[in-house]
């Protein structure tokens, strides 16, 4: 039986904030089964966070308010980062102004592993560049330039790169990482 996480809820609401989307499309995007997405929709509708239309689900004002209490993050998107990840597919999400919560990347990596990814790399944006949390290993300059160009980070942002054998598994990793960050942050969503 497949389950969902708080990260899945945030991802669904963020997707619906940007576009009206149906169950099948969300199932594909998030790497969740259609039955799990249906269960999520019922939960979100019962809490008045989304509403259903003929064209798909739409986020409500209450859903927007819910998202406003969560850390600001970008939807996961594919990245090409070569040697800093382990597997064939990597997706990344930028979490705004969150570096003060990150001691090291081990908990984040573990959250990605538990969620089905092969691993996760955590990068902090500070002093105009990305760095690993422990700060001892430099990021290859070409990868750093690429990531800065792709995400336009600000000081104290965190970039999580989830890696896996498939894109959907990598997205599952991001979902697990978002769930962990919410718990670590202690926000009451």
C-alpha atoms as a PDB file:
ATOM      1  CA  UNK A   1       0.000   0.000   0.000  1.00  0.00           C
ATOM      2  CA  UNK A   2       1.456   3.332  -1.055  1.00  0.00           C
ATOM      3  CA  UNK A   3       1.313   6.201   1.390  1.00  0.00           C
ATOM      4  CA  UNK A   4       1.730   9.925   0.994  1.00  0.00           C
ATOM      5  CA  UNK A   5       3.670  12.497   2.956  1.00  0.00           C
ATOM      6  CA  UNK A   6       3.245  16.096   4.034  1.00  0.00           C
ATOM      7  CA  UNK A   7       5.700  16.815   1.229  1.00  0.00           C
ATOM      8  CA  UNK A   8       3.237  15.317  -1.277  1.00  0.00           C
ATOM      9  CA  UNK A   9       0.522  17.635   0.030  1.00  0.00           C
ATOM     10  CA  UNK A  10       2.800  20.641  -0.407  1.00  0.00           C
ATOM     11  CA  UNK A  11       3.832  19.530  -3.895  1.00  0.00           C
ATOM     12  CA  UNK A  12       0.214  19.034  -4.981  1.00  0.00           C
ATOM     13  CA  UNK A  13      -0.815  22.432  -3.647  1.00  0.00           C
ATOM     14  CA  UNK A  14       2.192  24.133  -5.297  1.00  0.00           C
ATOM     15  CA  UNK A  15       1.404  22.421  -8.622  1.00  0.00           C
ATOM     16  CA  UNK A  16      -2.255  23.446  -8.375  1.00  0.00           C
ATOM     17  CA  UNK A  17      -1.198  26.981  -7.486  1.00  0.00           C
ATOM     18  CA  UNK A  18       0.486  27.149 -10.893  1.00  0.00           C
ATOM     19  CA  UNK A  19      -1.986  25.174 -13.017  1.00  0.00           C
ATOM     20  CA  UNK A  20      -5.251  23.265 -12.889  1.00  0.00           C
ATOM     21  CA  UNK A  21      -4.321  19.592 -13.010  1.00  0.00           C
ATOM     22  CA  UNK A  22      -6.077  16.246 -12.922  1.00  0.00           C
ATOM     23  CA  UNK A  23      -5.404  13.029 -11.037  1.00  0.00           C
ATOM     24  CA  UNK A  24      -3.567  11.179 -13.811  1.00  0.00           C
ATOM     25  CA  UNK A  25      -1.185  14.054 -14.502  1.00  0.00           C
ATOM     26  CA  UNK A  26      -0.422  14.492 -10.793  1.00  0.00           C
ATOM     27  CA  UNK A  27       0.082  10.763 -10.403  1.00  0.00           C
ATOM     28  CA  UNK A  28       2.706  10.855 -13.148  1.00  0.00           C
ATOM     29  CA  UNK A  29       4.362  14.054 -11.891  1.00  0.00           C
ATOM     30  CA  UNK A  30       4.697  12.862  -8.295  1.00  0.00           C
ATOM     31  CA  UNK A  31       5.385   9.186  -8.850  1.00  0.00           C
ATOM     32  CA  UNK A  32       2.302   8.217  -6.843  1.00  0.00           C
ATOM     33  CA  UNK A  33      -0.362   5.695  -7.746  1.00  0.00           C
ATOM     34  CA  UNK A  34      -3.718   7.015  -8.931  1.00  0.00           C
ATOM     35  CA  UNK A  35      -5.445   5.515  -5.880  1.00  0.00           C
ATOM     36  CA  UNK A  36      -3.071   7.401  -3.581  1.00  0.00           C
ATOM     37  CA  UNK A  37      -3.690  10.647  -5.469  1.00  0.00           C
ATOM     38  CA  UNK A  38      -7.455  10.023  -5.246  1.00  0.00           C
ATOM     39  CA  UNK A  39      -7.095   9.554  -1.470  1.00  0.00           C
ATOM     40  CA  UNK A  40      -5.061  12.754  -1.258  1.00  0.00           C
ATOM     41  CA  UNK A  41      -7.685  14.653  -3.245  1.00  0.00           C
ATOM     42  CA  UNK A  42     -10.436  13.458  -0.893  1.00  0.00           C
ATOM     43  CA  UNK A  43      -8.380  14.584   2.107  1.00  0.00           C
ATOM     44  CA  UNK A  44      -7.565  17.980   0.587  1.00  0.00           C
ATOM     45  CA  UNK A  45     -11.177  18.523  -0.505  1.00  0.00           C
ATOM     46  CA  UNK A  46     -12.470  17.604   2.972  1.00  0.00           C
ATOM     47  CA  UNK A  47     -10.151  20.261   4.409  1.00  0.00           C
ATOM     48  CA  UNK A  48     -11.302  22.739   1.715  1.00  0.00           C
ATOM     49  CA  UNK A  49      -7.755  23.143   0.374  1.00  0.00           C
ATOM     50  CA  UNK A  50      -8.758  22.179  -3.181  1.00  0.00           C
ATOM     51  CA  UNK A  51     -11.951  21.860  -5.173  1.00  0.00           C
ATOM     52  CA  UNK A  52     -12.815  19.633  -8.128  1.00  0.00           C
ATOM     53  CA  UNK A  53     -13.962  20.849 -11.526  1.00  0.00           C
ATOM     54  CA  UNK A  54     -14.502  19.068 -14.834  1.00  0.00           C
ATOM     55  CA  UNK A  55     -11.032  20.148 -15.951  1.00  0.00           C
ATOM     56  CA  UNK A  56      -9.304  18.910 -12.790  1.00  0.00           C
ATOM     57  CA  UNK A  57      -8.515  20.099  -9.299  1.00  0.00           C
ATOM     58  CA  UNK A  58      -8.083  23.762  -8.332  1.00  0.00           C
ATOM     59  CA  UNK A  59      -6.465  25.196  -5.217  1.00  0.00           C
ATOM     60  CA  UNK A  60      -8.801  27.225  -2.976  1.00  0.00           C
ATOM     61  CA  UNK A  61      -8.005  30.367  -0.999  1.00  0.00           C
ATOM     62  CA  UNK A  62      -7.653  28.151   2.087  1.00  0.00           C
ATOM     63  CA  UNK A  63      -5.158  26.056   0.149  1.00  0.00           C
ATOM     64  CA  UNK A  64      -3.207  29.209  -0.725  1.00  0.00           C
ATOM     65  CA  UNK A  65      -3.243  30.213   2.958  1.00  0.00           C
ATOM     66  CA  UNK A  66      -1.972  26.747   3.906  1.00  0.00           C
ATOM     67  CA  UNK A  67       0.904  27.089   1.439  1.00  0.00           C
ATOM     68  CA  UNK A  68       1.776  30.531   2.800  1.00  0.00           C
ATOM     69  CA  UNK A  69       2.636  28.929   6.159  1.00  0.00           C
ATOM     70  CA  UNK A  70       5.032  26.426   4.568  1.00  0.00           C
ATOM     71  CA  UNK A  71       8.613  27.150   3.578  1.00  0.00           C
ATOM     72  CA  UNK A  72       8.770  28.727   0.114  1.00  0.00           C
ATOM     73  CA  UNK A  73      10.082  26.170  -2.392  1.00  0.00           C
ATOM     74  CA  UNK A  74      10.288  25.605  -6.122  1.00  0.00           C
ATOM     75  CA  UNK A  75       8.720  22.619  -7.797  1.00  0.00           C
ATOM     76  CA  UNK A  76      11.307  19.895  -8.414  1.00  0.00           C
ATOM     77  CA  UNK A  77      12.854  20.045 -11.846  1.00  0.00           C
ATOM     78  CA  UNK A  78      15.445  17.939 -13.634  1.00  0.00           C
ATOM     79  CA  UNK A  79      19.061  19.048 -13.314  1.00  0.00           C
ATOM     80  CA  UNK A  80      22.305  17.844 -14.842  1.00  0.00           C
ATOM     81  CA  UNK A  81      24.944  17.909 -12.125  1.00  0.00           C
ATOM     82  CA  UNK A  82      27.304  15.095 -13.064  1.00  0.00           C
ATOM     83  CA  UNK A  83      29.635  13.843 -10.392  1.00  0.00           C
ATOM     84  CA  UNK A  84      27.930  15.354  -7.333  1.00  0.00           C
ATOM     85  CA  UNK A  85      25.056  12.829  -7.498  1.00  0.00           C
ATOM     86  CA  UNK A  86      24.897   9.043  -7.631  1.00  0.00           C
ATOM     87  CA  UNK A  87      22.233   8.015 -10.125  1.00  0.00           C
ATOM     88  CA  UNK A  88      20.912   8.631 -13.628  1.00  0.00           C
ATOM     89  CA  UNK A  89      18.132  11.083 -12.759  1.00  0.00           C
ATOM     90  CA  UNK A  90      18.425  14.137 -10.555  1.00  0.00           C
ATOM     91  CA  UNK A  91      15.776  16.689  -9.660  1.00  0.00           C
ATOM     92  CA  UNK A  92      16.257  19.758  -7.507  1.00  0.00           C
ATOM     93  CA  UNK A  93      14.123  22.079  -5.425  1.00  0.00           C
ATOM     94  CA  UNK A  94      15.204  25.414  -3.951  1.00  0.00           C
ATOM     95  CA  UNK A  95      13.924  26.186  -0.458  1.00  0.00           C
ATOM     96  CA  UNK A  96      14.060  29.905   0.282  1.00  0.00           C
ATOM     97  CA  UNK A  97      15.803  31.303   3.355  1.00  0.00           C
ATOM     98  CA  UNK A  98      16.138  27.923   5.079  1.00  0.00           C
ATOM     99  CA  UNK A  99      19.882  27.358   5.540  1.00  0.00           C
ATOM    100  CA  UNK A 100      19.753  28.193   9.251  1.00  0.00           C
ATOM    101  CA  UNK A 101      17.893  24.880   9.758  1.00  0.00           C
ATOM    102  CA  UNK A 102      20.559  22.753   8.072  1.00  0.00           C
ATOM    103  CA  UNK A 103      23.340  21.348  10.262  1.00  0.00           C
ATOM    104  CA  UNK A 104      24.491  18.789   7.709  1.00  0.00           C
ATOM    105  CA  UNK A 105      22.950  16.947   4.793  1.00  0.00           C
ATOM    106  CA  UNK A 106      22.733  13.513   6.411  1.00  0.00           C
ATOM    107  CA  UNK A 107      19.130  13.768   7.656  1.00  0.00           C
ATOM    108  CA  UNK A 108      18.049  15.111   4.276  1.00  0.00           C
ATOM    109  CA  UNK A 109      19.847  12.308   2.448  1.00  0.00           C
ATOM    110  CA  UNK A 110      18.218   9.764   4.773  1.00  0.00           C
ATOM    111  CA  UNK A 111      14.754  11.258   4.161  1.00  0.00           C
ATOM    112  CA  UNK A 112      15.308  10.909   0.412  1.00  0.00           C
ATOM    113  CA  UNK A 113      16.486   7.298   0.815  1.00  0.00           C
ATOM    114  CA  UNK A 114      13.471   6.366   2.939  1.00  0.00           C
ATOM    115  CA  UNK A 115      11.205   7.898   0.291  1.00  0.00           C
ATOM    116  CA  UNK A 116      12.654   5.782  -2.523  1.00  0.00           C
ATOM    117  CA  UNK A 117      15.479   7.888  -3.957  1.00  0.00           C
ATOM    118  CA  UNK A 118      19.107   6.741  -4.173  1.00  0.00           C
ATOM    119  CA  UNK A 119      20.294   9.789  -2.279  1.00  0.00           C
ATOM    120  CA  UNK A 120      20.215  13.553  -1.936  1.00  0.00           C
ATOM    121  CA  UNK A 121      22.777  16.323  -2.038  1.00  0.00           C
ATOM    122  CA  UNK A 122      22.221  19.441   0.051  1.00  0.00           C
ATOM    123  CA  UNK A 123      23.765  22.749  -0.956  1.00  0.00           C
ATOM    124  CA  UNK A 124      23.588  26.027   0.961  1.00  0.00           C
ATOM    125  CA  UNK A 125      23.740  29.362  -0.817  1.00  0.00           C
ATOM    126  CA  UNK A 126      25.932  31.824   1.044  1.00  0.00           C
ATOM    127  CA  UNK A 127      28.413  34.535   0.164  1.00  0.00           C
ATOM    128  CA  UNK A 128      27.313  34.461  -3.468  1.00  0.00           C
ATOM    129  CA  UNK A 129      27.836  30.749  -4.069  1.00  0.00           C
ATOM    130  CA  UNK A 130      26.701  27.227  -3.264  1.00  0.00           C
ATOM    131  CA  UNK A 131      28.536  25.158  -0.674  1.00  0.00           C
ATOM    132  CA  UNK A 132      28.061  21.806   0.999  1.00  0.00           C
ATOM    133  CA  UNK A 133      26.835  22.164   4.612  1.00  0.00           C
ATOM    134  CA  UNK A 134      30.177  21.072   6.090  1.00  0.00           C
ATOM    135  CA  UNK A 135      31.914  23.568   3.799  1.00  0.00           C
ATOM    136  CA  UNK A 136      35.120  21.608   3.217  1.00  0.00           C
ATOM    137  CA  UNK A 137      34.561  20.234  -0.286  1.00  0.00           C
ATOM    138  CA  UNK A 138      34.321  22.802  -3.080  1.00  0.00           C
ATOM    139  CA  UNK A 139      31.584  22.487  -5.660  1.00  0.00           C
ATOM    140  CA  UNK A 140      32.930  22.229  -9.226  1.00  0.00           C
ATOM    141  CA  UNK A 141      32.699  25.775 -10.692  1.00  0.00           C
ATOM    142  CA  UNK A 142      30.814  24.697 -13.830  1.00  0.00           C
ATOM    143  CA  UNK A 143      28.126  22.970 -11.738  1.00  0.00           C
ATOM    144  CA  UNK A 144      27.872  25.932  -9.368  1.00  0.00           C
ATOM    145  CA  UNK A 145      27.437  28.363 -12.283  1.00  0.00           C
ATOM    146  CA  UNK A 146      24.815  26.094 -13.854  1.00  0.00           C
ATOM    147  CA  UNK A 147      22.803  25.849 -10.604  1.00  0.00           C
ATOM    148  CA  UNK A 148      22.977  29.590  -9.951  1.00  0.00           C
ATOM    149  CA  UNK A 149      21.764  30.236 -13.500  1.00  0.00           C
ATOM    150  CA  UNK A 150      18.931  27.678 -13.182  1.00  0.00           C
ATOM    151  CA  UNK A 151      17.626  28.680  -9.735  1.00  0.00           C
ATOM    152  CA  UNK A 152      18.671  32.326  -9.130  1.00  0.00           C
ATOM    153  CA  UNK A 153      19.174  31.692  -5.395  1.00  0.00           C
ATOM    154  CA  UNK A 154      19.337  34.279  -2.630  1.00  0.00           C
ATOM    155  CA  UNK A 155      21.445  34.315   0.508  1.00  0.00           C
ATOM    156  CA  UNK A 156      20.488  31.508   2.959  1.00  0.00           C
ATOM    157  CA  UNK A 157      18.586  29.430   0.382  1.00  0.00           C
ATOM    158  CA  UNK A 158      18.949  25.640   0.338  1.00  0.00           C
ATOM    159  CA  UNK A 159      19.087  23.531  -2.813  1.00  0.00           C
ATOM    160  CA  UNK A 160      18.181  19.869  -2.433  1.00  0.00           C
ATOM    161  CA  UNK A 161      19.137  17.601  -5.306  1.00  0.00           C
ATOM    162  CA  UNK A 162      17.472  14.196  -5.129  1.00  0.00           C
ATOM    163  CA  UNK A 163      18.881  11.424  -7.293  1.00  0.00           C
ATOM    164  CA  UNK A 164      17.455   8.043  -8.308  1.00  0.00           C
ATOM    165  CA  UNK A 165      17.186   5.501 -11.106  1.00  0.00           C
ATOM    166  CA  UNK A 166      13.976   7.160 -12.368  1.00  0.00           C
ATOM    167  CA  UNK A 167      12.721  10.728 -12.337  1.00  0.00           C
ATOM    168  CA  UNK A 168       9.621   9.755 -10.328  1.00  0.00           C
ATOM    169  CA  UNK A 169      11.804   8.126  -7.635  1.00  0.00           C
ATOM    170  CA  UNK A 170      13.899  11.298  -7.491  1.00  0.00           C
ATOM    171  CA  UNK A 171      10.715  13.351  -7.027  1.00  0.00           C
ATOM    172  CA  UNK A 172       9.645  10.958  -4.249  1.00  0.00           C
ATOM    173  CA  UNK A 173      12.979  11.837  -2.623  1.00  0.00           C
ATOM    174  CA  UNK A 174      12.191  15.570  -2.780  1.00  0.00           C
ATOM    175  CA  UNK A 175       8.789  14.870  -1.223  1.00  0.00           C
ATOM    176  CA  UNK A 176      10.436  13.058   1.681  1.00  0.00           C
ATOM    177  CA  UNK A 177      12.939  15.880   2.126  1.00  0.00           C
ATOM    178  CA  UNK A 178      10.173  18.505   2.197  1.00  0.00           C
ATOM    179  CA  UNK A 179       8.360  16.459   4.854  1.00  0.00           C
ATOM    180  CA  UNK A 180      11.516  16.369   6.963  1.00  0.00           C
ATOM    181  CA  UNK A 181      12.109  20.111   6.602  1.00  0.00           C
ATOM    182  CA  UNK A 182       8.565  20.864   7.751  1.00  0.00           C
ATOM    183  CA  UNK A 183       9.039  18.684  10.844  1.00  0.00           C
ATOM    184  CA  UNK A 184      12.453  20.212  11.552  1.00  0.00           C
ATOM    185  CA  UNK A 185      11.068  23.722  11.142  1.00  0.00           C
ATOM    186  CA  UNK A 186       8.244  23.020  13.586  1.00  0.00           C
ATOM    187  CA  UNK A 187       5.691  24.944  11.551  1.00  0.00           C
ATOM    188  CA  UNK A 188       2.076  24.263  12.334  1.00  0.00           C
ATOM    189  CA  UNK A 189       0.535  23.710   8.921  1.00  0.00           C
END
